[in-house]
């Protein structure tokens, strides 16, 4: 489900079946070479959309958690952990943080949610069919992680 009114109406009617939220982690910077940072966000957004499409009715893809690339890691983990605890209090069983920013991996032990890090792929100058193949390949890894999360709770 997406963060749109029609899908949220559906969520409110079937809340007991939706136990997972996906939060895309999107870095922002206006310093230096911005392209790699922008590409991380593009890639994560595409993966989040694919997850939503494939698991509609079982998970909600929330609006992105955007942050400045220059922010202190401890501030970021505090912020994302507040999101996580709020969702858990509302009955969500699994919070998945989806990112391509390697800085999150350095602080993964401090994050109280499932962190899925996928190396970013630049889509600039790539054929559309090749992009689709690359995304499908990455999604296979994500699928197995998500399915294992759901198996653990049963």
Protein backbone atom coordinates (compact mmCIF):
# COMPACT_ATOMS: atom_id res chain seq x y z
CA UNK A 1 0.00 0.00 0.00
CA UNK A 2 1.13 3.51 -0.72
CA UNK A 3 0.79 6.57 1.46
CA UNK A 4 -2.28 7.77 -0.46
CA UNK A 5 -5.81 8.17 0.86
CA UNK A 6 -7.35 5.27 -1.10
CA UNK A 7 -4.72 2.81 0.13
CA UNK A 8 -4.87 4.11 3.69
CA UNK A 9 -8.66 3.63 3.68
CA UNK A 10 -7.99 0.03 2.68
CA UNK A 11 -5.38 -0.26 5.46
CA UNK A 12 -7.79 1.05 8.08
CA UNK A 13 -10.32 -1.64 7.11
CA UNK A 14 -7.76 -4.48 7.10
CA UNK A 15 -5.26 -3.31 9.71
CA UNK A 16 -4.79 -6.77 11.20
CA UNK A 17 -3.32 -8.06 7.90
CA UNK A 18 -0.84 -5.22 7.41
CA UNK A 19 2.04 -5.77 9.78
CA UNK A 20 4.99 -4.20 7.99
CA UNK A 21 6.02 -0.69 7.02
CA UNK A 22 8.83 0.19 4.65
CA UNK A 23 10.59 3.48 5.16
CA UNK A 24 12.83 4.64 2.32
CA UNK A 25 15.86 6.47 3.73
CA UNK A 26 16.72 9.28 1.32
CA UNK A 27 19.82 11.44 1.77
CA UNK A 28 19.94 15.05 0.62
CA UNK A 29 22.93 17.32 0.06
CA UNK A 30 23.71 20.47 -1.85
CA UNK A 31 27.47 20.11 -1.36
CA UNK A 32 30.05 18.82 -3.79
CA UNK A 33 29.09 16.17 -6.33
CA UNK A 34 25.41 15.71 -5.58
CA UNK A 35 24.79 13.08 -8.27
CA UNK A 36 25.73 9.97 -6.22
CA UNK A 37 23.46 11.11 -3.40
CA UNK A 38 20.59 11.76 -5.79
CA UNK A 39 21.12 8.35 -7.41
CA UNK A 40 20.86 6.67 -4.00
CA UNK A 41 17.46 8.25 -3.51
CA UNK A 42 16.28 7.34 -6.99
CA UNK A 43 17.32 3.73 -6.57
CA UNK A 44 15.72 3.33 -3.14
CA UNK A 45 12.50 4.93 -4.39
CA UNK A 46 12.31 2.43 -7.26
CA UNK A 47 12.92 -0.51 -4.92
CA UNK A 48 10.28 0.77 -2.48
CA UNK A 49 7.74 1.07 -5.31
CA UNK A 50 8.48 -2.48 -6.41
CA UNK A 51 8.04 -3.76 -2.85
CA UNK A 52 4.72 -1.96 -2.56
CA UNK A 53 3.53 -3.37 -5.87
CA UNK A 54 4.42 -6.94 -4.99
CA UNK A 55 3.21 -6.94 -1.38
CA UNK A 56 0.22 -4.63 -1.55
CA UNK A 57 -2.12 -5.56 1.26
CA UNK A 58 0.68 -6.81 3.51
CA UNK A 59 2.86 -3.72 3.84
CA UNK A 60 2.74 0.05 3.58
CA UNK A 61 5.48 2.09 1.95
CA UNK A 62 5.66 5.32 3.90
CA UNK A 63 6.88 8.66 2.61
CA UNK A 64 10.65 8.87 2.64
CA UNK A 65 12.63 9.63 5.76
CA UNK A 66 14.76 12.40 4.30
CA UNK A 67 17.88 13.64 5.99
CA UNK A 68 20.87 15.80 5.30
CA UNK A 69 23.89 13.73 4.32
CA UNK A 70 25.91 15.90 6.72
CA UNK A 71 23.73 15.10 9.77
CA UNK A 72 25.32 13.44 12.78
CA UNK A 73 24.77 9.66 12.78
CA UNK A 74 23.54 9.69 16.38
CA UNK A 75 20.88 12.29 15.50
CA UNK A 76 19.73 10.19 12.57
CA UNK A 77 19.51 6.96 14.57
CA UNK A 78 17.58 8.77 17.32
CA UNK A 79 15.12 10.13 14.75
CA UNK A 80 14.64 6.83 12.94
CA UNK A 81 14.31 4.94 16.25
CA UNK A 82 11.53 7.33 17.27
CA UNK A 83 9.70 6.44 14.06
CA UNK A 84 10.26 2.75 14.75
CA UNK A 85 8.97 2.86 18.34
CA UNK A 86 5.92 4.87 17.27
CA UNK A 87 5.02 2.31 14.59
CA UNK A 88 5.51 -0.61 16.99
CA UNK A 89 3.18 1.08 19.50
CA UNK A 90 0.56 1.25 16.74
CA UNK A 91 0.71 -2.51 16.20
CA UNK A 92 3.18 -2.71 13.33
CA UNK A 93 5.37 -5.79 13.77
CA UNK A 94 8.09 -5.07 11.22
CA UNK A 95 9.74 -1.80 10.31
CA UNK A 96 12.03 -2.06 7.29
CA UNK A 97 14.40 0.79 6.56
CA UNK A 98 15.45 0.71 2.91
CA UNK A 99 18.64 2.54 1.95
CA UNK A 100 21.56 2.72 -0.44
CA UNK A 101 23.57 5.01 1.80
CA UNK A 102 26.54 3.03 3.18
CA UNK A 103 26.72 5.35 6.21
CA UNK A 104 23.67 3.57 7.63
CA UNK A 105 25.55 0.26 7.61
CA UNK A 106 28.22 1.81 9.83
CA UNK A 107 25.58 2.53 12.48
CA UNK A 108 23.29 -0.44 11.93
CA UNK A 109 23.81 -1.75 15.49
CA UNK A 110 22.18 1.43 16.83
CA UNK A 111 19.10 1.14 14.62
CA UNK A 112 16.11 -0.61 16.22
CA UNK A 113 14.51 -1.69 12.95
CA UNK A 114 15.45 -3.97 10.07
CA UNK A 115 17.95 -2.12 7.90
CA UNK A 116 18.07 -3.23 4.27
CA UNK A 117 21.07 -1.77 2.52
CA UNK A 118 21.35 -2.25 -1.22
CA UNK A 119 24.27 -0.78 -3.15
CA UNK A 120 23.07 2.02 -5.37
CA UNK A 121 22.98 1.58 -9.11
CA UNK A 122 23.28 4.52 -11.46
CA UNK A 123 20.57 4.39 -14.10
CA UNK A 124 22.02 7.22 -16.13
CA UNK A 125 22.61 6.15 -19.74
CA UNK A 126 21.22 2.63 -19.17
CA UNK A 127 18.68 0.93 -21.40
CA UNK A 128 15.24 0.55 -19.80
CA UNK A 129 15.27 -3.26 -20.16
CA UNK A 130 18.65 -3.48 -18.44
CA UNK A 131 17.36 -1.30 -15.59
CA UNK A 132 14.37 -3.64 -15.16
CA UNK A 133 16.70 -6.66 -15.02
CA UNK A 134 18.90 -5.01 -12.41
CA UNK A 135 15.93 -4.06 -10.25
CA UNK A 136 14.50 -7.60 -10.49
CA UNK A 137 17.84 -8.99 -9.42
CA UNK A 138 18.00 -6.72 -6.38
CA UNK A 139 14.39 -7.50 -5.51
CA UNK A 140 15.19 -11.22 -5.20
CA UNK A 141 17.46 -10.44 -2.26
CA UNK A 142 14.91 -8.15 -0.69
CA UNK A 143 12.13 -10.74 -1.10
CA UNK A 144 14.02 -13.39 0.81
CA UNK A 145 14.73 -10.98 3.67
CA UNK A 146 11.11 -9.83 3.88
CA UNK A 147 9.76 -13.38 3.73
CA UNK A 148 12.18 -14.46 6.48
CA UNK A 149 11.01 -11.56 8.64
CA UNK A 150 7.44 -12.72 8.26
CA UNK A 151 8.37 -16.35 8.97
CA UNK A 152 10.07 -15.33 12.22
CA UNK A 153 6.91 -13.78 13.58
CA UNK A 154 4.89 -16.98 13.06
